[in-house]
PDB file of N, CA and C in Angstrom:
ATOM      1  N   MET A   1       0.792  -1.142  -0.042  1.00  0.00           N
ATOM      2  CA  MET A   1      -0.009   0.010  -0.089  1.00  0.00           C
ATOM      3  C   MET A   1       0.810   1.388   0.130  1.00  0.00           C
ATOM      4  N   ILE A   2       1.913   1.136   0.583  1.00  0.00           N
ATOM      5  CA  ILE A   2       2.733   2.283   0.920  1.00  0.00           C
ATOM      6  C   ILE A   2       3.549   2.892  -0.609  1.00  0.00           C
ATOM      7  N   ARG A   3       3.655   1.771  -1.418  1.00  0.00           N
ATOM      8  CA  ARG A   3       4.198   1.832  -2.771  1.00  0.00           C
ATOM      9  C   ARG A   3       3.186   2.984  -3.594  1.00  0.00           C
ATOM     10  N   GLY A   4       1.918   3.051  -3.578  1.00  0.00           N
ATOM     11  CA  GLY A   4       0.886   3.815  -4.275  1.00  0.00           C
ATOM     12  C   GLY A   4       0.979   5.138  -3.985  1.00  0.00           C
ATOM     13  N   TRP A   5       1.560   5.431  -2.758  1.00  0.00           N
ATOM     14  CA  TRP A   5       1.333   7.030  -2.143  1.00  0.00           C
ATOM     15  C   TRP A   5       2.393   7.741  -2.975  1.00  0.00           C
ATOM     16  N   PRO A   6       3.410   7.658  -3.419  1.00  0.00           N
ATOM     17  CA  PRO A   6       4.142   8.594  -3.955  1.00  0.00           C
ATOM     18  C   PRO A   6       3.634   8.884  -5.320  1.00  0.00           C
ATOM     19  N   LEU A   7       2.919   8.186  -6.045  1.00  0.00           N
ATOM     20  CA  LEU A   7       2.343   8.281  -7.155  1.00  0.00           C
ATOM     21  C   LEU A   7       0.983   9.012  -7.065  1.00  0.00           C
ATOM     22  N   LEU A   8       0.232   8.815  -6.144  1.00  0.00           N
ATOM     23  CA  LEU A   8      -0.721   9.355  -5.564  1.00  0.00           C
ATOM     24  C   LEU A   8      -0.549  10.986  -5.448  1.00  0.00           C
ATOM     25  N   ALA A   9       0.382  11.120  -4.577  1.00  0.00           N
ATOM     26  CA  ALA A   9       0.711  12.591  -4.361  1.00  0.00           C
ATOM     27  C   ALA A   9       1.462  13.322  -5.547  1.00  0.00           C
ATOM     28  N   ALA A  10       2.165  12.829  -6.622  1.00  0.00           N
ATOM     29  CA  ALA A  10       2.380  13.198  -7.689  1.00  0.00           C
ATOM     30  C   ALA A  10       1.245  13.655  -8.676  1.00  0.00           C
ATOM     31  N   ALA A  11       0.198  12.497  -8.304  1.00  0.00           N
ATOM     32  CA  ALA A  11      -0.928  13.213  -9.413  1.00  0.00           C
ATOM     33  C   ALA A  11      -1.745  14.308  -8.626  1.00  0.00           C
ATOM     34  N   ILE A  12      -1.953  14.338  -7.450  1.00  0.00           N
ATOM     35  CA  ILE A  12      -2.320  15.382  -6.777  1.00  0.00           C
ATOM     36  C   ILE A  12      -1.856  16.853  -7.063  1.00  0.00           C
ATOM     37  N   LEU A  13      -0.432  16.822  -6.991  1.00  0.00           N
ATOM     38  CA  LEU A  13       0.330  17.800  -7.168  1.00  0.00           C
ATOM     39  C   LEU A  13       0.136  18.390  -8.800  1.00  0.00           C
ATOM     40  N   PHE A  14      -0.007  17.471  -9.662  1.00  0.00           N
ATOM     41  CA  PHE A  14      -0.106  17.733 -11.153  1.00  0.00           C
ATOM     42  C   PHE A  14      -1.197  18.182 -11.281  1.00  0.00           C
ATOM     43  N   LEU A  15      -2.583  17.641 -10.840  1.00  0.00           N
ATOM     44  CA  LEU A  15      -3.722  18.380 -10.975  1.00  0.00           C
ATOM     45  C   LEU A  15      -3.836  19.763 -10.224  1.00  0.00           C
ATOM     46  N   ALA A  16      -3.256  20.055  -9.153  1.00  0.00           N
ATOM     47  CA  ALA A  16      -3.304  21.360  -8.591  1.00  0.00           C
ATOM     48  C   ALA A  16      -2.581  22.225  -9.244  1.00  0.00           C
ATOM     49  N   ALA A  17      -1.457  22.058  -9.822  1.00  0.00           N
ATOM     50  CA  ALA A  17      -0.786  23.032 -10.784  1.00  0.00           C
ATOM     51  C   ALA A  17      -1.563  23.114 -11.971  1.00  0.00           C
ATOM     52  N   ALA A  18      -2.219  22.010 -12.521  1.00  0.00           N
ATOM     53  CA  ALA A  18      -2.981  22.447 -13.806  1.00  0.00           C
ATOM     54  C   ALA A  18      -4.307  23.280 -13.508  1.00  0.00           C
ATOM     55  N   ALA A  19      -4.671  23.123 -12.254  1.00  0.00           N
ATOM     56  CA  ALA A  19      -5.843  24.109 -12.018  1.00  0.00           C
ATOM     57  C   ALA A  19      -5.735  25.460 -12.065  1.00  0.00           C
ATOM     58  N   GLN A  20      -4.333  25.938 -11.890  1.00  0.00           N
ATOM     59  CA  GLN A  20      -3.990  27.366 -11.568  1.00  0.00           C
ATOM     60  C   GLN A  20      -4.186  28.070 -13.080  1.00  0.00           C
ATOM     61  N   PRO A  21      -4.573  29.260 -13.095  1.00  0.00           N
ATOM     62  CA  PRO A  21      -4.663  29.915 -14.373  1.00  0.00           C
ATOM     63  C   PRO A  21      -3.238  30.172 -15.123  1.00  0.00           C
ATOM     64  N   ALA A  22      -3.269  29.734 -16.291  1.00  0.00           N
ATOM     65  CA  ALA A  22      -1.870  30.016 -17.085  1.00  0.00           C
ATOM     66  C   ALA A  22      -1.614  31.505 -17.395  1.00  0.00           C
ATOM     67  N   ALA A  23      -0.163  31.833 -17.252  1.00  0.00           N
ATOM     68  CA  ALA A  23      -0.243  33.369 -17.536  1.00  0.00           C
ATOM     69  C   ALA A  23       0.294  33.394 -18.978  1.00  0.00           C
ATOM     70  N   ALA A  24      -0.327  34.304 -19.899  1.00  0.00           N
ATOM     71  CA  ALA A  24      -0.017  34.414 -21.029  1.00  0.00           C
ATOM     72  C   ALA A  24       1.021  35.647 -21.114  1.00  0.00           C
ATOM     73  N   GLY A  25       1.913  35.996 -22.067  1.00  0.00           N
ATOM     74  CA  GLY A  25       2.879  37.053 -22.289  1.00  0.00           C
ATOM     75  C   GLY A  25       2.076  37.950 -22.802  1.00  0.00           C
ATOM     76  N   GLY A  26       2.722  38.911 -23.193  1.00  0.00           N
ATOM     77  CA  GLY A  26       2.015  40.243 -23.737  1.00  0.00           C
ATOM     78  C   GLY A  26       1.430  39.680 -25.061  1.00  0.00           C
ATOM     79  N   ARG A  27       0.350  40.650 -25.506  1.00  0.00           N
ATOM     80  CA  ARG A  27      -0.284  40.048 -26.796  1.00  0.00           C
ATOM     81  C   ARG A  27      -0.612  41.320 -27.566  1.00  0.00           C
ATOM     82  N   THR A  28      -0.983  41.110 -28.963  1.00  0.00           N
ATOM     83  CA  THR A  28      -1.020  42.433 -29.873  1.00  0.00           C
ATOM     84  C   THR A  28      -2.433  41.790 -30.711  1.00  0.00           C
ATOM     85  N   VAL A  29      -3.360  42.980 -30.404  1.00  0.00           N
ATOM     86  CA  VAL A  29      -4.655  42.968 -31.458  1.00  0.00           C
ATOM     87  C   VAL A  29      -4.307  44.078 -32.757  1.00  0.00           C
ATOM     88  N   ILE A  30      -4.422  43.490 -33.700  1.00  0.00           N
ATOM     89  CA  ILE A  30      -4.653  44.105 -35.144  1.00  0.00           C
ATOM     90  C   ILE A  30      -5.961  44.265 -35.448  1.00  0.00           C
ATOM     91  N   GLY A  31      -6.039  45.466 -35.930  1.00  0.00           N
ATOM     92  CA  GLY A  31      -7.180  45.858 -36.594  1.00  0.00           C
ATOM     93  C   GLY A  31      -7.724  47.241 -36.914  1.00  0.00           C
ATOM     94  N   THR A  32      -9.013  47.399 -37.363  1.00  0.00           N
ATOM     95  CA  THR A  32      -9.282  49.041 -37.723  1.00  0.00           C
ATOM     96  C   THR A  32      -9.847  49.688 -36.447  1.00  0.00           C
ATOM     97  N   VAL A  33      -9.791  50.822 -36.446  1.00  0.00           N
ATOM     98  CA  VAL A  33     -10.284  51.924 -35.559  1.00  0.00           C
ATOM     99  C   VAL A  33     -11.704  51.902 -35.816  1.00  0.00           C
ATOM    100  N   SER A  34     -12.511  51.874 -35.011  1.00  0.00           N
ATOM    101  CA  SER A  34     -14.062  51.786 -34.992  1.00  0.00           C
ATOM    102  C   SER A  34     -14.702  52.870 -34.415  1.00  0.00           C
ATOM    103  N   ALA A  35     -13.942  53.464 -33.235  1.00  0.00           N
ATOM    104  CA  ALA A  35     -14.284  54.505 -32.530  1.00  0.00           C
ATOM    105  C   ALA A  35     -12.996  54.985 -31.795  1.00  0.00           C
ATOM    106  N   VAL A  36     -12.939  56.407 -31.768  1.00  0.00           N
ATOM    107  CA  VAL A  36     -11.769  56.926 -30.918  1.00  0.00           C
ATOM    108  C   VAL A  36     -12.240  58.019 -30.401  1.00  0.00           C
ATOM    109  N   ASP A  37     -11.928  58.326 -29.194  1.00  0.00           N
ATOM    110  CA  ASP A  37     -12.388  59.540 -28.242  1.00  0.00           C
ATOM    111  C   ASP A  37     -10.931  59.888 -27.444  1.00  0.00           C
ATOM    112  N   ALA A  38     -10.063  60.782 -28.158  1.00  0.00           N
ATOM    113  CA  ALA A  38      -8.814  60.972 -27.516  1.00  0.00           C
ATOM    114  C   ALA A  38      -9.010  61.789 -26.278  1.00  0.00           C
ATOM    115  N   ALA A  39      -9.710  62.552 -26.088  1.00  0.00           N
ATOM    116  CA  ALA A  39     -10.135  63.222 -24.625  1.00  0.00           C
ATOM    117  C   ALA A  39     -10.375  62.402 -23.598  1.00  0.00           C
ATOM    118  N   ALA A  40     -11.406  61.545 -23.906  1.00  0.00           N
ATOM    119  CA  ALA A  40     -11.595  60.554 -22.832  1.00  0.00           C
ATOM    120  C   ALA A  40     -10.547  59.460 -22.795  1.00  0.00           C
ATOM    121  N   GLY A  41      -9.379  59.110 -23.841  1.00  0.00           N
ATOM    122  CA  GLY A  41      -8.739  58.058 -23.689  1.00  0.00           C
ATOM    123  C   GLY A  41      -8.944  56.683 -24.382  1.00  0.00           C
ATOM    124  N   THR A  42     -10.293  56.859 -24.919  1.00  0.00           N
ATOM    125  CA  THR A  42     -10.514  55.656 -25.160  1.00  0.00           C
ATOM    126  C   THR A  42     -10.639  54.812 -26.923  1.00  0.00           C
ATOM    127  N   LEU A  43     -10.553  53.566 -27.140  1.00  0.00           N
ATOM    128  CA  LEU A  43     -10.292  53.571 -28.292  1.00  0.00           C
ATOM    129  C   LEU A  43     -10.907  52.005 -28.638  1.00  0.00           C
ATOM    130  N   THR A  44     -11.699  51.742 -29.763  1.00  0.00           N
ATOM    131  CA  THR A  44     -12.139  50.673 -29.975  1.00  0.00           C
ATOM    132  C   THR A  44     -11.830  50.219 -31.405  1.00  0.00           C
ATOM    133  N   VAL A  45     -11.058  49.119 -31.167  1.00  0.00           N
ATOM    134  CA  VAL A  45     -10.745  48.400 -32.534  1.00  0.00           C
ATOM    135  C   VAL A  45     -11.293  46.997 -32.804  1.00  0.00           C
ATOM    136  N   LYS A  46     -11.500  46.999 -34.174  1.00  0.00           N
ATOM    137  CA  LYS A  46     -12.272  45.847 -34.681  1.00  0.00           C
ATOM    138  C   LYS A  46     -11.448  45.008 -35.538  1.00  0.00           C
ATOM    139  N   ASP A  47     -11.109  43.758 -34.901  1.00  0.00           N
ATOM    140  CA  ASP A  47     -10.133  42.765 -35.444  1.00  0.00           C
ATOM    141  C   ASP A  47     -10.760  41.972 -36.946  1.00  0.00           C
ATOM    142  N   ALA A  48     -10.065  41.322 -37.581  1.00  0.00           N
ATOM    143  CA  ALA A  48     -10.147  40.406 -38.866  1.00  0.00           C
ATOM    144  C   ALA A  48     -11.576  39.635 -38.613  1.00  0.00           C
ATOM    145  N   ALA A  49     -11.374  38.940 -37.536  1.00  0.00           N
ATOM    146  CA  ALA A  49     -12.632  38.076 -37.185  1.00  0.00           C
ATOM    147  C   ALA A  49     -13.967  38.800 -36.784  1.00  0.00           C
ATOM    148  N   GLY A  50     -13.814  40.254 -36.807  1.00  0.00           N
ATOM    149  CA  GLY A  50     -15.138  41.035 -36.470  1.00  0.00           C
ATOM    150  C   GLY A  50     -15.361  41.360 -35.198  1.00  0.00           C
ATOM    151  N   VAL A  51     -14.406  40.878 -34.133  1.00  0.00           N
ATOM    152  CA  VAL A  51     -14.471  41.117 -32.628  1.00  0.00           C
ATOM    153  C   VAL A  51     -14.109  42.845 -32.257  1.00  0.00           C
ATOM    154  N   SER A  52     -14.824  43.242 -31.676  1.00  0.00           N
ATOM    155  CA  SER A  52     -14.482  44.633 -31.171  1.00  0.00           C
ATOM    156  C   SER A  52     -13.749  44.538 -29.693  1.00  0.00           C
ATOM    157  N   TRP A  53     -12.627  45.078 -29.686  1.00  0.00           N
ATOM    158  CA  TRP A  53     -11.874  45.286 -28.735  1.00  0.00           C
ATOM    159  C   TRP A  53     -11.820  46.729 -28.257  1.00  0.00           C
ATOM    160  N   SER A  54     -12.122  47.142 -26.750  1.00  0.00           N
ATOM    161  CA  SER A  54     -12.185  48.203 -26.245  1.00  0.00           C
ATOM    162  C   SER A  54     -11.247  48.583 -25.317  1.00  0.00           C
ATOM    163  N   TYR A  55     -10.621  49.730 -25.310  1.00  0.00           N
ATOM    164  CA  TYR A  55      -9.506  50.265 -24.625  1.00  0.00           C
ATOM    165  C   TYR A  55      -9.394  51.419 -24.104  1.00  0.00           C
ATOM    166  N   ARG A  56      -8.892  51.991 -22.756  1.00  0.00           N
ATOM    167  CA  ARG A  56      -8.745  52.909 -22.141  1.00  0.00           C
ATOM    168  C   ARG A  56      -7.626  53.449 -21.869  1.00  0.00           C
ATOM    169  N   ALA A  57      -6.988  54.415 -22.239  1.00  0.00           N
ATOM    170  CA  ALA A  57      -5.544  54.678 -22.099  1.00  0.00           C
ATOM    171  C   ALA A  57      -5.480  55.365 -20.463  1.00  0.00           C
ATOM    172  N   GLU A  58      -4.778  55.085 -19.774  1.00  0.00           N
ATOM    173  CA  GLU A  58      -4.298  55.838 -18.336  1.00  0.00           C
ATOM    174  C   GLU A  58      -3.976  57.021 -18.798  1.00  0.00           C
ATOM    175  N   ARG A  59      -4.067  58.080 -18.322  1.00  0.00           N
ATOM    176  CA  ARG A  59      -3.516  59.374 -18.568  1.00  0.00           C
ATOM    177  C   ARG A  59      -1.852  59.695 -18.549  1.00  0.00           C
ATOM    178  N   ASP A  60      -1.420  58.692 -17.856  1.00  0.00           N
ATOM    179  CA  ASP A  60       0.192  58.590 -17.698  1.00  0.00           C
ATOM    180  C   ASP A  60       0.835  57.460 -18.349  1.00  0.00           C
ATOM    181  N   ALA A  61      -0.125  57.083 -19.418  1.00  0.00           N
ATOM    182  CA  ALA A  61       0.534  55.834 -20.352  1.00  0.00           C
ATOM    183  C   ALA A  61       1.612  56.259 -21.305  1.00  0.00           C
ATOM    184  N   GLY A  62       1.327  57.693 -21.574  1.00  0.00           N
ATOM    185  CA  GLY A  62       2.116  57.961 -22.883  1.00  0.00           C
ATOM    186  C   GLY A  62       1.653  57.528 -24.061  1.00  0.00           C
ATOM    187  N   ILE A  63       0.061  57.330 -24.378  1.00  0.00           N
ATOM    188  CA  ILE A  63      -0.287  56.832 -25.523  1.00  0.00           C
ATOM    189  C   ILE A  63      -1.114  57.798 -26.055  1.00  0.00           C
ATOM    190  N   GLY A  64      -0.832  58.484 -27.129  1.00  0.00           N
ATOM    191  CA  GLY A  64      -1.478  59.510 -27.825  1.00  0.00           C
ATOM    192  C   GLY A  64      -2.499  58.942 -28.951  1.00  0.00           C
ATOM    193  N   LEU A  65      -3.552  59.557 -28.751  1.00  0.00           N
ATOM    194  CA  LEU A  65      -4.734  58.805 -29.615  1.00  0.00           C
ATOM    195  C   LEU A  65      -5.145  60.001 -30.468  1.00  0.00           C
ATOM    196  N   ALA A  66      -4.789  61.262 -30.254  1.00  0.00           N
ATOM    197  CA  ALA A  66      -5.356  62.232 -31.138  1.00  0.00           C
ATOM    198  C   ALA A  66      -5.168  62.220 -32.550  1.00  0.00           C
ATOM    199  N   ASP A  67      -3.978  61.305 -33.023  1.00  0.00           N
ATOM    200  CA  ASP A  67      -3.784  61.561 -34.472  1.00  0.00           C
ATOM    201  C   ASP A  67      -4.376  60.011 -35.115  1.00  0.00           C
ATOM    202  N   LEU A  68      -5.034  59.406 -34.202  1.00  0.00           N
ATOM    203  CA  LEU A  68      -5.848  58.152 -34.836  1.00  0.00           C
ATOM    204  C   LEU A  68      -7.159  58.614 -35.734  1.00  0.00           C
ATOM    205  N   ARG A  69      -7.498  58.095 -36.712  1.00  0.00           N
ATOM    206  CA  ARG A  69      -8.918  58.499 -37.341  1.00  0.00           C
ATOM    207  C   ARG A  69      -9.811  56.984 -37.519  1.00  0.00           C
ATOM    208  N   LEU A  70     -10.853  57.202 -37.716  1.00  0.00           N
ATOM    209  CA  LEU A  70     -11.839  56.029 -37.912  1.00  0.00           C
ATOM    210  C   LEU A  70     -11.375  55.548 -39.122  1.00  0.00           C
ATOM    211  N   GLY A  71     -11.212  54.200 -39.266  1.00  0.00           N
ATOM    212  CA  GLY A  71     -10.594  53.414 -40.434  1.00  0.00           C
ATOM    213  C   GLY A  71      -9.272  53.146 -40.282  1.00  0.00           C
ATOM    214  N   ASP A  72      -8.245  53.711 -39.596  1.00  0.00           N
ATOM    215  CA  ASP A  72      -6.922  53.528 -39.526  1.00  0.00           C
ATOM    216  C   ASP A  72      -6.945  52.072 -39.010  1.00  0.00           C
ATOM    217  N   ARG A  73      -5.654  51.402 -39.400  1.00  0.00           N
ATOM    218  CA  ARG A  73      -5.290  50.074 -38.924  1.00  0.00           C
ATOM    219  C   ARG A  73      -4.150  50.576 -37.920  1.00  0.00           C
ATOM    220  N   VAL A  74      -4.498  49.664 -37.082  1.00  0.00           N
ATOM    221  CA  VAL A  74      -3.499  49.831 -35.850  1.00  0.00           C
ATOM    222  C   VAL A  74      -3.141  48.405 -35.331  1.00  0.00           C
ATOM    223  N   ALA A  75      -2.126  48.161 -34.411  1.00  0.00           N
ATOM    224  CA  ALA A  75      -1.765  47.107 -33.487  1.00  0.00           C
ATOM    225  C   ALA A  75      -1.882  47.792 -32.396  1.00  0.00           C
ATOM    226  N   VAL A  76      -2.456  47.086 -31.299  1.00  0.00           N
ATOM    227  CA  VAL A  76      -2.522  47.565 -29.736  1.00  0.00           C
ATOM    228  C   VAL A  76      -1.948  46.261 -29.169  1.00  0.00           C
ATOM    229  N   THR A  77      -0.585  46.887 -28.662  1.00  0.00           N
ATOM    230  CA  THR A  77       0.136  45.790 -27.816  1.00  0.00           C
ATOM    231  C   THR A  77       0.234  46.017 -26.290  1.00  0.00           C
ATOM    232  N   ILE A  78      -0.679  44.893 -25.651  1.00  0.00           N
ATOM    233  CA  ILE A  78      -0.672  45.012 -24.127  1.00  0.00           C
ATOM    234  C   ILE A  78       0.585  44.455 -23.915  1.00  0.00           C
ATOM    235  N   ALA A  79       1.721  44.935 -23.335  1.00  0.00           N
ATOM    236  CA  ALA A  79       3.002  44.460 -23.145  1.00  0.00           C
ATOM    237  C   ALA A  79       3.235  43.599 -21.745  1.00  0.00           C
ATOM    238  N   ARG A  80       2.364  43.592 -20.975  1.00  0.00           N
ATOM    239  CA  ARG A  80       2.285  42.712 -19.585  1.00  0.00           C
ATOM    240  C   ARG A  80       1.634  41.624 -19.862  1.00  0.00           C
ATOM    241  N   PRO A  81       2.152  40.558 -19.026  1.00  0.00           N
ATOM    242  CA  PRO A  81       1.660  39.400 -19.012  1.00  0.00           C
ATOM    243  C   PRO A  81       0.184  39.442 -18.354  1.00  0.00           C
ATOM    244  N   THR A  82      -0.704  38.669 -19.146  1.00  0.00           N
ATOM    245  CA  THR A  82      -2.080  38.767 -18.381  1.00  0.00           C
ATOM    246  C   THR A  82      -2.534  37.107 -18.336  1.00  0.00           C
ATOM    247  N   PRO A  83      -3.234  36.677 -17.204  1.00  0.00           N
ATOM    248  CA  PRO A  83      -3.597  35.261 -16.951  1.00  0.00           C
ATOM    249  C   PRO A  83      -4.356  35.083 -18.057  1.00  0.00           C
ATOM    250  N   LEU A  84      -4.578  33.807 -18.778  1.00  0.00           N
ATOM    251  CA  LEU A  84      -5.416  33.625 -19.851  1.00  0.00           C
ATOM    252  C   LEU A  84      -6.802  33.735 -19.538  1.00  0.00           C
ATOM    253  N   ASN A  85      -7.211  33.605 -18.313  1.00  0.00           N
ATOM    254  CA  ASN A  85      -8.577  33.837 -18.284  1.00  0.00           C
ATOM    255  C   ASN A  85      -9.045  35.458 -17.444  1.00  0.00           C
ATOM    256  N   MET A  86      -8.167  36.141 -17.775  1.00  0.00           N
ATOM    257  CA  MET A  86      -8.099  37.743 -17.675  1.00  0.00           C
ATOM    258  C   MET A  86      -8.358  38.458 -18.970  1.00  0.00           C
ATOM    259  N   ILE A  87      -8.193  37.802 -20.010  1.00  0.00           N
ATOM    260  CA  ILE A  87      -7.939  38.255 -21.377  1.00  0.00           C
ATOM    261  C   ILE A  87      -9.332  38.659 -21.838  1.00  0.00           C
ATOM    262  N   THR A  88      -9.766  39.979 -21.891  1.00  0.00           N
ATOM    263  CA  THR A  88     -11.058  40.077 -22.251  1.00  0.00           C
ATOM    264  C   THR A  88     -11.122  41.086 -23.560  1.00  0.00           C
ATOM    265  N   ALA A  89     -12.038  41.538 -23.900  1.00  0.00           N
ATOM    266  CA  ALA A  89     -12.495  42.615 -25.024  1.00  0.00           C
ATOM    267  C   ALA A  89     -12.508  43.941 -24.354  1.00  0.00           C
ATOM    268  N   ALA A  90     -12.005  44.280 -23.311  1.00  0.00           N
ATOM    269  CA  ALA A  90     -11.736  45.769 -22.520  1.00  0.00           C
ATOM    270  C   ALA A  90     -10.510  45.780 -21.995  1.00  0.00           C
ATOM    271  N   ASP A  91      -9.587  46.549 -22.185  1.00  0.00           N
ATOM    272  CA  ASP A  91      -8.169  46.507 -21.447  1.00  0.00           C
ATOM    273  C   ASP A  91      -7.924  47.903 -21.277  1.00  0.00           C
ATOM    274  N   LEU A  92      -7.100  47.869 -20.115  1.00  0.00           N
ATOM    275  CA  LEU A  92      -6.561  49.369 -19.801  1.00  0.00           C
ATOM    276  C   LEU A  92      -5.044  49.464 -20.272  1.00  0.00           C
ATOM    277  N   LEU A  93      -4.916  50.595 -20.971  1.00  0.00           N
ATOM    278  CA  LEU A  93      -3.468  50.644 -21.775  1.00  0.00           C
ATOM    279  C   LEU A  93      -2.892  51.521 -20.593  1.00  0.00           C
ATOM    280  N   ARG A  94      -1.596  50.905 -20.114  1.00  0.00           N
ATOM    281  CA  ARG A  94      -0.595  51.333 -19.301  1.00  0.00           C
ATOM    282  C   ARG A  94       0.685  51.732 -19.890  1.00  0.00           C
ATOM    283  N   LYS A  95       1.586  52.214 -19.215  1.00  0.00           N
ATOM    284  CA  LYS A  95       2.868  52.500 -19.529  1.00  0.00           C
ATOM    285  C   LYS A  95       3.540  51.320 -20.047  1.00  0.00           C
ATOM    286  N   GLY A  96       4.159  51.312 -21.220  1.00  0.00           N
ATOM    287  CA  GLY A  96       4.777  50.132 -21.561  1.00  0.00           C
ATOM    288  C   GLY A  96       4.035  49.516 -22.977  1.00  0.00           C
ATOM    289  N   ASP A  97       2.602  49.570 -22.606  1.00  0.00           N
ATOM    290  CA  ASP A  97       1.776  49.235 -23.971  1.00  0.00           C
ATOM    291  C   ASP A  97       1.677  50.184 -25.270  1.00  0.00           C
ATOM    292  N   ARG A  98       1.394  49.592 -26.293  1.00  0.00           N
ATOM    293  CA  ARG A  98       1.526  50.726 -27.499  1.00  0.00           C
ATOM    294  C   ARG A  98       0.337  50.499 -28.470  1.00  0.00           C
ATOM    295  N   VAL A  99       0.164  51.736 -29.156  1.00  0.00           N
ATOM    296  CA  VAL A  99      -1.064  51.641 -30.252  1.00  0.00           C
ATOM    297  C   VAL A  99      -0.109  52.344 -31.285  1.00  0.00           C
ATOM    298  N   GLU A 100       0.099  51.455 -32.309  1.00  0.00           N
ATOM    299  CA  GLU A 100       0.740  51.891 -33.592  1.00  0.00           C
ATOM    300  C   GLU A 100      -0.141  51.642 -34.937  1.00  0.00           C
ATOM    301  N   LYS A 101       0.105  52.488 -35.692  1.00  0.00           N
ATOM    302  CA  LYS A 101      -0.277  52.568 -37.018  1.00  0.00           C
ATOM    303  C   LYS A 101       0.287  51.330 -38.004  1.00  0.00           C
ATOM    304  N   THR A 102      -0.554  50.741 -38.767  1.00  0.00           N
ATOM    305  CA  THR A 102       0.243  49.509 -39.236  1.00  0.00           C
ATOM    306  C   THR A 102      -0.364  49.766 -40.788  1.00  0.00           C
ATOM    307  N   GLY A 103       0.458  49.129 -41.817  1.00  0.00           N
ATOM    308  CA  GLY A 103      -0.063  48.864 -42.938  1.00  0.00           C
ATOM    309  C   GLY A 103      -1.013  47.656 -43.303  1.00  0.00           C
ATOM    310  N   TYR A 104      -1.871  47.848 -44.322  1.00  0.00           N
ATOM    311  CA  TYR A 104      -2.844  46.778 -44.737  1.00  0.00           C
ATOM    312  C   TYR A 104      -2.103  45.469 -45.246  1.00  0.00           C
TER     313      TYR A 104
END
């Protein structure tokens, strides 16, 4: 009976580790600007799959939205790791994140 305990303990540890949310690295959404309000610091981008991603830039993030126009193609990069279960269609843009115009 004692021989089975190490295997059982290993299985329990494996299952406990698998239950924890995995962390994703930074991520980038590429799409077309469908709404922008530079004064409010908000931006909405529609990706190729038709999903709309809404962002709000913190005032000290250093991200300028004033030169963006409806229809511009952009890449929005969230530089910080985010747990996979926390990736949503609404993100806060902070220092280190980027919004860059891209070509088609």
